[in-house]
Full PDB file with SEQRES, HELIX, SHEET, SSBOND, CRYST1, ORIGX, SCALE, CONECT and MASTER records, all heavy atoms in Angstrom:
SEQRES   1 A   33  GLY ASP GLY GLN VAL LEU LEU LYS VAL ARG ALA ALA ASN          
SEQRES   2 A   33  ILE ASN PHE PRO ASP VAL LEU MET THR ARG GLY GLN TYR          
SEQRES   3 A   33  GLN VAL ARG PRO PRO LEU PRO                                  
HELIX    1 AA1 PHE A   16  ARG A   23  1                                   8    
CRYST1    1.000    1.000    1.000  90.00  90.00  90.00 P 1           1          
ORIGX1      1.000000  0.000000  0.000000        0.00000                         
ORIGX2      0.000000  1.000000  0.000000        0.00000                         
ORIGX3      0.000000  0.000000  1.000000        0.00000                         
SCALE1      1.000000  0.000000  0.000000        0.00000                         
SCALE2      0.000000  1.000000  0.000000        0.00000                         
SCALE3      0.000000  0.000000  1.000000        0.00000                         
ATOM      1  N   GLY A   1      84.891   8.329  57.620  1.00  0.00           N  
ATOM      2  CA  GLY A   1      85.061   7.109  58.394  1.00  0.00           C  
ATOM      3  C   GLY A   1      83.770   6.750  59.110  1.00  0.00           C  
ATOM      4  O   GLY A   1      82.717   7.363  58.885  1.00  0.00           O  
ATOM      5  N   ASP A   2      83.834   5.767  59.980  1.00  0.00           N  
ATOM      6  CA  ASP A   2      82.663   5.360  60.746  1.00  0.00           C  
ATOM      7  C   ASP A   2      82.147   6.524  61.589  1.00  0.00           C  
ATOM      8  O   ASP A   2      82.916   7.184  62.290  1.00  0.00           O  
ATOM      9  CB  ASP A   2      83.009   4.187  61.668  1.00  0.00           C  
ATOM     10  CG  ASP A   2      83.307   2.906  60.895  1.00  0.00           C  
ATOM     11  OD1 ASP A   2      82.877   2.820  59.719  1.00  0.00           O  
ATOM     12  OD2 ASP A   2      83.967   2.017  61.461  1.00  0.00           O  
ATOM     13  N   GLY A   3      80.853   6.776  61.513  1.00  0.00           N  
ATOM     14  CA  GLY A   3      80.250   7.845  62.288  1.00  0.00           C  
ATOM     15  C   GLY A   3      80.494   9.236  61.744  1.00  0.00           C  
ATOM     16  O   GLY A   3      80.151  10.226  62.396  1.00  0.00           O  
ATOM     17  N   GLN A   4      81.084   9.327  60.546  1.00  0.00           N  
ATOM     18  CA  GLN A   4      81.375  10.624  59.953  1.00  0.00           C  
ATOM     19  C   GLN A   4      80.518  10.867  58.715  1.00  0.00           C  
ATOM     20  O   GLN A   4      79.919   9.934  58.157  1.00  0.00           O  
ATOM     21  CB  GLN A   4      82.858  10.722  59.568  1.00  0.00           C  
ATOM     22  CG  GLN A   4      83.811  10.677  60.747  1.00  0.00           C  
ATOM     23  CD  GLN A   4      85.266  10.835  60.318  1.00  0.00           C  
ATOM     24  OE1 GLN A   4      85.656  10.374  59.246  1.00  0.00           O  
ATOM     25  NE2 GLN A   4      86.053  11.494  61.159  1.00  0.00           N  
ATOM     26  N   VAL A   5      80.459  12.129  58.293  1.00  0.00           N  
ATOM     27  CA  VAL A   5      79.724  12.499  57.094  1.00  0.00           C  
ATOM     28  C   VAL A   5      80.599  13.397  56.224  1.00  0.00           C  
ATOM     29  O   VAL A   5      81.487  14.093  56.724  1.00  0.00           O  
ATOM     30  CB  VAL A   5      78.411  13.229  57.429  1.00  0.00           C  
ATOM     31  CG1 VAL A   5      77.440  12.300  58.149  1.00  0.00           C  
ATOM     32  CG2 VAL A   5      78.674  14.470  58.264  1.00  0.00           C  
ATOM     33  N   LEU A   6      80.313  13.358  54.923  1.00  0.00           N  
ATOM     34  CA  LEU A   6      80.978  14.251  53.981  1.00  0.00           C  
ATOM     35  C   LEU A   6      80.131  15.506  53.831  1.00  0.00           C  
ATOM     36  O   LEU A   6      78.916  15.426  53.652  1.00  0.00           O  
ATOM     37  CB  LEU A   6      81.145  13.568  52.623  1.00  0.00           C  
ATOM     38  CG  LEU A   6      81.839  14.398  51.531  1.00  0.00           C  
ATOM     39  CD1 LEU A   6      83.312  14.604  51.876  1.00  0.00           C  
ATOM     40  CD2 LEU A   6      81.690  13.719  50.172  1.00  0.00           C  
ATOM     41  N   LEU A   7      80.754  16.664  53.932  1.00  0.00           N  
ATOM     42  CA  LEU A   7      80.041  17.928  53.831  1.00  0.00           C  
ATOM     43  C   LEU A   7      80.599  18.787  52.708  1.00  0.00           C  
ATOM     44  O   LEU A   7      81.821  18.922  52.574  1.00  0.00           O  
ATOM     45  CB  LEU A   7      80.152  18.712  55.145  1.00  0.00           C  
ATOM     46  CG  LEU A   7      79.545  18.075  56.397  1.00  0.00           C  
ATOM     47  CD1 LEU A   7      79.893  18.911  57.623  1.00  0.00           C  
ATOM     48  CD2 LEU A   7      78.047  17.921  56.254  1.00  0.00           C  
ATOM     49  N   LYS A   8      79.716  19.349  51.914  1.00  0.00           N  
ATOM     50  CA  LYS A   8      80.129  20.375  50.957  1.00  0.00           C  
ATOM     51  C   LYS A   8      80.292  21.669  51.733  1.00  0.00           C  
ATOM     52  O   LYS A   8      79.389  22.097  52.460  1.00  0.00           O  
ATOM     53  CB  LYS A   8      79.080  20.549  49.862  1.00  0.00           C  
ATOM     54  CG  LYS A   8      79.449  21.617  48.841  1.00  0.00           C  
ATOM     55  CD  LYS A   8      78.368  21.753  47.769  1.00  0.00           C  
ATOM     56  CE  LYS A   8      78.749  22.828  46.755  1.00  0.00           C  
ATOM     57  NZ  LYS A   8      77.690  22.987  45.710  1.00  0.00           N  
ATOM     58  N   VAL A   9      81.432  22.305  51.616  1.00  0.00           N  
ATOM     59  CA  VAL A   9      81.719  23.519  52.394  1.00  0.00           C  
ATOM     60  C   VAL A   9      81.054  24.718  51.720  1.00  0.00           C  
ATOM     61  O   VAL A   9      81.375  25.077  50.594  1.00  0.00           O  
ATOM     62  CB  VAL A   9      83.234  23.750  52.521  1.00  0.00           C  
ATOM     63  CG1 VAL A   9      83.502  25.045  53.292  1.00  0.00           C  
ATOM     64  CG2 VAL A   9      83.900  22.572  53.227  1.00  0.00           C  
ATOM     65  N   ARG A  10      80.120  25.313  52.425  1.00  0.00           N  
ATOM     66  CA  ARG A  10      79.463  26.524  51.937  1.00  0.00           C  
ATOM     67  C   ARG A  10      80.220  27.771  52.389  1.00  0.00           C  
ATOM     68  O   ARG A  10      80.258  28.781  51.680  1.00  0.00           O  
ATOM     69  CB  ARG A  10      78.017  26.573  52.430  1.00  0.00           C  
ATOM     70  CG  ARG A  10      77.145  25.432  51.901  1.00  0.00           C  
ATOM     71  CD  ARG A  10      75.771  25.421  52.536  1.00  0.00           C  
ATOM     72  NE  ARG A  10      74.980  26.569  52.157  1.00  0.00           N  
ATOM     73  CZ  ARG A  10      73.895  26.519  51.375  1.00  0.00           C  
ATOM     74  NH1 ARG A  10      73.487  25.363  50.884  1.00  0.00           N  
ATOM     75  NH2 ARG A  10      73.220  27.610  51.091  1.00  0.00           N  
ATOM     76  N   ALA A  11      80.810  27.709  53.589  1.00  0.00           N  
ATOM     77  CA  ALA A  11      81.616  28.810  54.116  1.00  0.00           C  
ATOM     78  C   ALA A  11      82.475  28.267  55.253  1.00  0.00           C  
ATOM     79  O   ALA A  11      82.037  27.402  56.005  1.00  0.00           O  
ATOM     80  CB  ALA A  11      80.736  29.953  54.617  1.00  0.00           C  
ATOM     81  N   ALA A  12      83.711  28.773  55.354  1.00  0.00           N  
ATOM     82  CA  ALA A  12      84.642  28.331  56.401  1.00  0.00           C  
ATOM     83  C   ALA A  12      85.180  29.549  57.131  1.00  0.00           C  
ATOM     84  O   ALA A  12      85.817  30.417  56.515  1.00  0.00           O  
ATOM     85  CB  ALA A  12      85.786  27.515  55.796  1.00  0.00           C  
ATOM     86  N   ASN A  13      84.916  29.623  58.424  1.00  0.00           N  
ATOM     87  CA  ASN A  13      85.386  30.745  59.231  1.00  0.00           C  
ATOM     88  C   ASN A  13      86.837  30.518  59.646  1.00  0.00           C  
ATOM     89  O   ASN A  13      87.229  29.405  59.991  1.00  0.00           O  
ATOM     90  CB  ASN A  13      84.500  30.890  60.469  1.00  0.00           C  
ATOM     91  CG  ASN A  13      84.949  32.021  61.365  1.00  0.00           C  
ATOM     92  OD1 ASN A  13      85.268  33.103  60.895  1.00  0.00           O  
ATOM     93  ND2 ASN A  13      84.981  31.772  62.663  1.00  0.00           N  
ATOM     94  N   ILE A  14      87.630  31.588  59.614  1.00  0.00           N  
ATOM     95  CA  ILE A  14      89.028  31.502  60.038  1.00  0.00           C  
ATOM     96  C   ILE A  14      89.112  31.804  61.531  1.00  0.00           C  
ATOM     97  O   ILE A  14      88.644  32.841  61.998  1.00  0.00           O  
ATOM     98  CB  ILE A  14      89.915  32.486  59.260  1.00  0.00           C  
ATOM     99  CG1 ILE A  14      89.848  32.187  57.759  1.00  0.00           C  
ATOM    100  CG2 ILE A  14      91.360  32.418  59.756  1.00  0.00           C  
ATOM    101  CD1 ILE A  14      90.549  33.228  56.892  1.00  0.00           C  
ATOM    102  N   ASN A  15      89.690  30.885  62.285  1.00  0.00           N  
ATOM    103  CA  ASN A  15      89.889  31.040  63.720  1.00  0.00           C  
ATOM    104  C   ASN A  15      91.381  31.119  64.029  1.00  0.00           C  
ATOM    105  O   ASN A  15      92.209  30.591  63.278  1.00  0.00           O  
ATOM    106  CB  ASN A  15      89.286  29.859  64.477  1.00  0.00           C  
ATOM    107  CG  ASN A  15      87.772  29.914  64.544  1.00  0.00           C  
ATOM    108  OD1 ASN A  15      87.208  30.509  65.451  1.00  0.00           O  
ATOM    109  ND2 ASN A  15      87.107  29.298  63.573  1.00  0.00           N  
ATOM    110  N   PHE A  16      91.716  31.731  65.167  1.00  0.00           N  
ATOM    111  CA  PHE A  16      93.126  31.826  65.540  1.00  0.00           C  
ATOM    112  C   PHE A  16      93.782  30.451  65.703  1.00  0.00           C  
ATOM    113  O   PHE A  16      94.967  30.292  65.372  1.00  0.00           O  
ATOM    114  CB  PHE A  16      93.293  32.660  66.810  1.00  0.00           C  
ATOM    115  CG  PHE A  16      94.683  33.187  67.007  1.00  0.00           C  
ATOM    116  CD1 PHE A  16      95.207  34.131  66.137  1.00  0.00           C  
ATOM    117  CD2 PHE A  16      95.479  32.736  68.040  1.00  0.00           C  
ATOM    118  CE1 PHE A  16      96.499  34.611  66.302  1.00  0.00           C  
ATOM    119  CE2 PHE A  16      96.772  33.205  68.212  1.00  0.00           C  
ATOM    120  CZ  PHE A  16      97.287  34.148  67.334  1.00  0.00           C  
ATOM    121  N   PRO A  17      93.067  29.422  66.190  1.00  0.00           N  
ATOM    122  CA  PRO A  17      93.682  28.093  66.225  1.00  0.00           C  
ATOM    123  C   PRO A  17      94.143  27.585  64.855  1.00  0.00           C  
ATOM    124  O   PRO A  17      95.106  26.812  64.777  1.00  0.00           O  
ATOM    125  CB  PRO A  17      92.567  27.205  66.787  1.00  0.00           C  
ATOM    126  CG  PRO A  17      91.813  28.120  67.684  1.00  0.00           C  
ATOM    127  CD  PRO A  17      91.791  29.440  66.946  1.00  0.00           C  
ATOM    128  N   ASP A  18      93.490  28.033  63.773  1.00  0.00           N  
ATOM    129  CA  ASP A  18      93.964  27.658  62.441  1.00  0.00           C  
ATOM    130  C   ASP A  18      95.373  28.201  62.204  1.00  0.00           C  
ATOM    131  O   ASP A  18      96.232  27.531  61.621  1.00  0.00           O  
ATOM    132  CB  ASP A  18      93.019  28.196  61.356  1.00  0.00           C  
ATOM    133  CG  ASP A  18      91.632  27.573  61.426  1.00  0.00           C  
ATOM    134  OD1 ASP A  18      91.547  26.335  61.545  1.00  0.00           O  
ATOM    135  OD2 ASP A  18      90.647  28.319  61.343  1.00  0.00           O  
ATOM    136  N   VAL A  19      95.590  29.434  62.659  1.00  0.00           N  
ATOM    137  CA  VAL A  19      96.920  30.046  62.535  1.00  0.00           C  
ATOM    138  C   VAL A  19      97.938  29.261  63.358  1.00  0.00           C  
ATOM    139  O   VAL A  19      99.021  28.914  62.861  1.00  0.00           O  
ATOM    140  CB  VAL A  19      96.870  31.511  63.008  1.00  0.00           C  
ATOM    141  CG1 VAL A  19      98.269  32.141  62.929  1.00  0.00           C  
ATOM    142  CG2 VAL A  19      95.871  32.315  62.191  1.00  0.00           C  
ATOM    143  N   LEU A  20      97.571  28.972  64.606  1.00  0.00           N  
ATOM    144  CA  LEU A  20      98.504  28.274  65.496  1.00  0.00           C  
ATOM    145  C   LEU A  20      98.813  26.869  64.995  1.00  0.00           C  
ATOM    146  O   LEU A  20      99.962  26.405  65.085  1.00  0.00           O  
ATOM    147  CB  LEU A  20      97.926  28.215  66.911  1.00  0.00           C  
ATOM    148  CG  LEU A  20      97.760  29.561  67.626  1.00  0.00           C  
ATOM    149  CD1 LEU A  20      97.143  29.360  69.002  1.00  0.00           C  
ATOM    150  CD2 LEU A  20      99.100  30.291  67.744  1.00  0.00           C  
ATOM    151  N   MET A  21      97.803  26.172  64.467  1.00  0.00           N  
ATOM    152  CA  MET A  21      98.060  24.830  63.940  1.00  0.00           C  
ATOM    153  C   MET A  21      98.999  24.875  62.742  1.00  0.00           C  
ATOM    154  O   MET A  21      99.866  24.020  62.581  1.00  0.00           O  
ATOM    155  CB  MET A  21      96.742  24.145  63.567  1.00  0.00           C  
ATOM    156  CG  MET A  21      96.088  23.427  64.728  1.00  0.00           C  
ATOM    157  SD  MET A  21      94.709  22.388  64.232  1.00  0.00           S  
ATOM    158  CE  MET A  21      93.426  23.594  64.121  1.00  0.00           C  
ATOM    159  N   THR A  22      98.806  25.888  61.892  1.00  0.00           N  
ATOM    160  CA  THR A  22      99.694  26.036  60.741  1.00  0.00           C  
ATOM    161  C   THR A  22     101.132  26.277  61.197  1.00  0.00           C  
ATOM    162  O   THR A  22     102.077  25.757  60.608  1.00  0.00           O  
ATOM    163  CB  THR A  22      99.214  27.203  59.855  1.00  0.00           C  
ATOM    164  OG1 THR A  22      97.889  26.930  59.399  1.00  0.00           O  
ATOM    165  CG2 THR A  22     100.128  27.383  58.648  1.00  0.00           C  
ATOM    166  N   ARG A  23     101.276  27.021  62.273  1.00  0.00           N  
ATOM    167  CA  ARG A  23     102.614  27.283  62.819  1.00  0.00           C  
ATOM    168  C   ARG A  23     103.158  26.122  63.651  1.00  0.00           C  
ATOM    169  O   ARG A  23     104.322  26.127  64.037  1.00  0.00           O  
ATOM    170  CB  ARG A  23     102.573  28.533  63.700  1.00  0.00           C  
ATOM    171  CG  ARG A  23     102.293  29.832  62.953  1.00  0.00           C  
ATOM    172  CD  ARG A  23     102.067  30.974  63.927  1.00  0.00           C  
ATOM    173  NE  ARG A  23     101.902  32.260  63.235  1.00  0.00           N  
ATOM    174  CZ  ARG A  23     101.445  33.372  63.816  1.00  0.00           C  
ATOM    175  NH1 ARG A  23     101.116  33.348  65.112  1.00  0.00           N  
ATOM    176  NH2 ARG A  23     101.320  34.490  63.122  1.00  0.00           N  
ATOM    177  N   GLY A  24     102.314  25.149  63.972  1.00  0.00           N  
ATOM    178  CA  GLY A  24     102.724  24.039  64.822  1.00  0.00           C  
ATOM    179  C   GLY A  24     102.758  24.399  66.282  1.00  0.00           C  
ATOM    180  O   GLY A  24     103.450  23.763  67.078  1.00  0.00           O  
ATOM    181  N   GLN A  25     101.950  25.412  66.684  1.00  0.00           N  
ATOM    182  CA  GLN A  25     101.987  25.925  68.049  1.00  0.00           C  
ATOM    183  C   GLN A  25     100.714  25.635  68.829  1.00  0.00           C  
ATOM    184  O   GLN A  25     100.581  26.084  69.960  1.00  0.00           O  
ATOM    185  CB  GLN A  25     102.225  27.436  68.015  1.00  0.00           C  
ATOM    186  CG  GLN A  25     103.562  27.832  67.412  1.00  0.00           C  
ATOM    187  CD  GLN A  25     103.707  29.332  67.251  1.00  0.00           C  
ATOM    188  OE1 GLN A  25     102.734  30.082  67.342  1.00  0.00           O  
ATOM    189  NE2 GLN A  25     104.926  29.786  67.006  1.00  0.00           N  
ATOM    190  N   TYR A  26      99.772  24.901  68.254  1.00  0.00           N  
ATOM    191  CA  TYR A  26      98.512  24.632  68.936  1.00  0.00           C  
ATOM    192  C   TYR A  26      98.597  23.324  69.699  1.00  0.00           C  
ATOM    193  O   TYR A  26      99.439  22.461  69.401  1.00  0.00           O  
ATOM    194  CB  TYR A  26      97.373  24.578  67.916  1.00  0.00           C  
ATOM    195  CG  TYR A  26      95.991  24.703  68.509  1.00  0.00           C  
ATOM    196  CD1 TYR A  26      95.649  25.786  69.310  1.00  0.00           C  
ATOM    197  CD2 TYR A  26      95.019  23.746  68.252  1.00  0.00           C  
ATOM    198  CE1 TYR A  26      94.381  25.914  69.852  1.00  0.00           C  
ATOM    199  CE2 TYR A  26      93.735  23.865  68.782  1.00  0.00           C  
ATOM    200  CZ  TYR A  26      93.422  24.952  69.578  1.00  0.00           C  
ATOM    201  OH  TYR A  26      92.162  25.064  70.116  1.00  0.00           O  
ATOM    202  N   GLN A  27      97.701  23.166  70.726  1.00  0.00           N  
ATOM    203  CA  GLN A  27      97.736  21.928  71.508  1.00  0.00           C  
ATOM    204  C   GLN A  27      97.340  20.709  70.690  1.00  0.00           C  
ATOM    205  O   GLN A  27      97.724  19.585  71.009  1.00  0.00           O  
ATOM    206  CB  GLN A  27      96.839  22.037  72.750  1.00  0.00           C  
ATOM    207  CG  GLN A  27      95.390  22.399  72.474  1.00  0.00           C  
ATOM    208  CD  GLN A  27      95.119  23.868  72.747  1.00  0.00           C  
ATOM    209  OE1 GLN A  27      95.946  24.719  72.443  1.00  0.00           O  
ATOM    210  NE2 GLN A  27      93.964  24.161  73.330  1.00  0.00           N  
ATOM    211  N   VAL A  28      96.555  20.940  69.628  1.00  0.00           N  
ATOM    212  CA  VAL A  28      96.219  19.865  68.689  1.00  0.00           C  
ATOM    213  C   VAL A  28      97.152  19.994  67.491  1.00  0.00           C  
ATOM    214  O   VAL A  28      97.188  21.036  66.839  1.00  0.00           O  
ATOM    215  CB  VAL A  28      94.753  19.968  68.228  1.00  0.00           C  
ATOM    216  CG1 VAL A  28      94.442  18.900  67.186  1.00  0.00           C  
ATOM    217  CG2 VAL A  28      93.819  19.829  69.422  1.00  0.00           C  
ATOM    218  N   ARG A  29      97.900  18.933  67.209  1.00  0.00           N  
ATOM    219  CA  ARG A  29      98.848  18.976  66.094  1.00  0.00           C  
ATOM    220  C   ARG A  29      98.546  17.850  65.124  1.00  0.00           C  
ATOM    221  O   ARG A  29      99.042  16.725  65.278  1.00  0.00           O  
ATOM    222  CB  ARG A  29     100.289  18.863  66.613  1.00  0.00           C  
ATOM    223  CG  ARG A  29     100.692  20.026  67.505  1.00  0.00           C  
ATOM    224  CD  ARG A  29     102.180  20.048  67.764  1.00  0.00           C  
ATOM    225  NE  ARG A  29     102.569  21.174  68.592  1.00  0.00           N  
ATOM    226  CZ  ARG A  29     103.820  21.523  68.855  1.00  0.00           C  
ATOM    227  NH1 ARG A  29     104.815  20.802  68.366  1.00  0.00           N  
ATOM    228  NH2 ARG A  29     104.083  22.574  69.621  1.00  0.00           N  
ATOM    229  N   PRO A  30      97.720  18.139  64.114  1.00  0.00           N  
ATOM    230  CA  PRO A  30      97.387  17.093  63.142  1.00  0.00           C  
ATOM    231  C   PRO A  30      98.622  16.672  62.357  1.00  0.00           C  
ATOM    232  O   PRO A  30      99.540  17.479  62.133  1.00  0.00           O  
ATOM    233  CB  PRO A  30      96.352  17.774  62.229  1.00  0.00           C  
ATOM    234  CG  PRO A  30      96.597  19.235  62.409  1.00  0.00           C  
ATOM    235  CD  PRO A  30      97.072  19.418  63.812  1.00  0.00           C  
ATOM    236  N   PRO A  31      98.679  15.417  61.922  1.00  0.00           N  
ATOM    237  CA  PRO A  31      99.831  14.969  61.142  1.00  0.00           C  
ATOM    238  C   PRO A  31      99.902  15.695  59.803  1.00  0.00           C  
ATOM    239  O   PRO A  31      98.868  16.019  59.201  1.00  0.00           O  
ATOM    240  CB  PRO A  31      99.557  13.470  60.952  1.00  0.00           C  
ATOM    241  CG  PRO A  31      98.074  13.331  61.102  1.00  0.00           C  
ATOM    242  CD  PRO A  31      97.680  14.351  62.114  1.00  0.00           C  
ATOM    243  N   LEU A  32     101.107  15.970  59.368  1.00  0.00           N  
ATOM    244  CA  LEU A  32     101.324  16.612  58.066  1.00  0.00           C  
ATOM    245  C   LEU A  32     101.218  15.577  56.952  1.00  0.00           C  
ATOM    246  O   LEU A  32     101.644  14.444  57.125  1.00  0.00           O  
ATOM    247  CB  LEU A  32     102.704  17.268  58.041  1.00  0.00           C  
ATOM    248  CG  LEU A  32     102.935  18.391  59.071  1.00  0.00           C  
ATOM    249  CD1 LEU A  32     104.419  18.761  59.122  1.00  0.00           C  
ATOM    250  CD2 LEU A  32     102.102  19.619  58.755  1.00  0.00           C  
ATOM    251  N   PRO A  33     100.670  15.981  55.798  1.00  0.00           N  
ATOM    252  CA  PRO A  33     100.004  17.254  55.513  1.00  0.00           C  
ATOM    253  C   PRO A  33      98.563  17.251  56.024  1.00  0.00           C  
ATOM    254  O   PRO A  33      97.967  16.195  56.192  1.00  0.00           O  
ATOM    255  CB  PRO A  33     100.051  17.325  53.991  1.00  0.00           C  
ATOM    256  CG  PRO A  33      99.958  15.893  53.556  1.00  0.00           C  
ATOM    257  CD  PRO A  33     100.725  15.101  54.605  1.00  0.00           C  
TER     258      PRO A  33                                                      
MASTER        0    0    0    1    0    0    0    6  257    1    0    3          
END                                                                             
């Protein structure tokens, strides 16, 4: 979108918020999917 860039992912670190978001328990709740 505006002000954004496309990035090729070279490596992605797993953080505990990723777990919580998947469970729907994090303060940030992105729309599904």
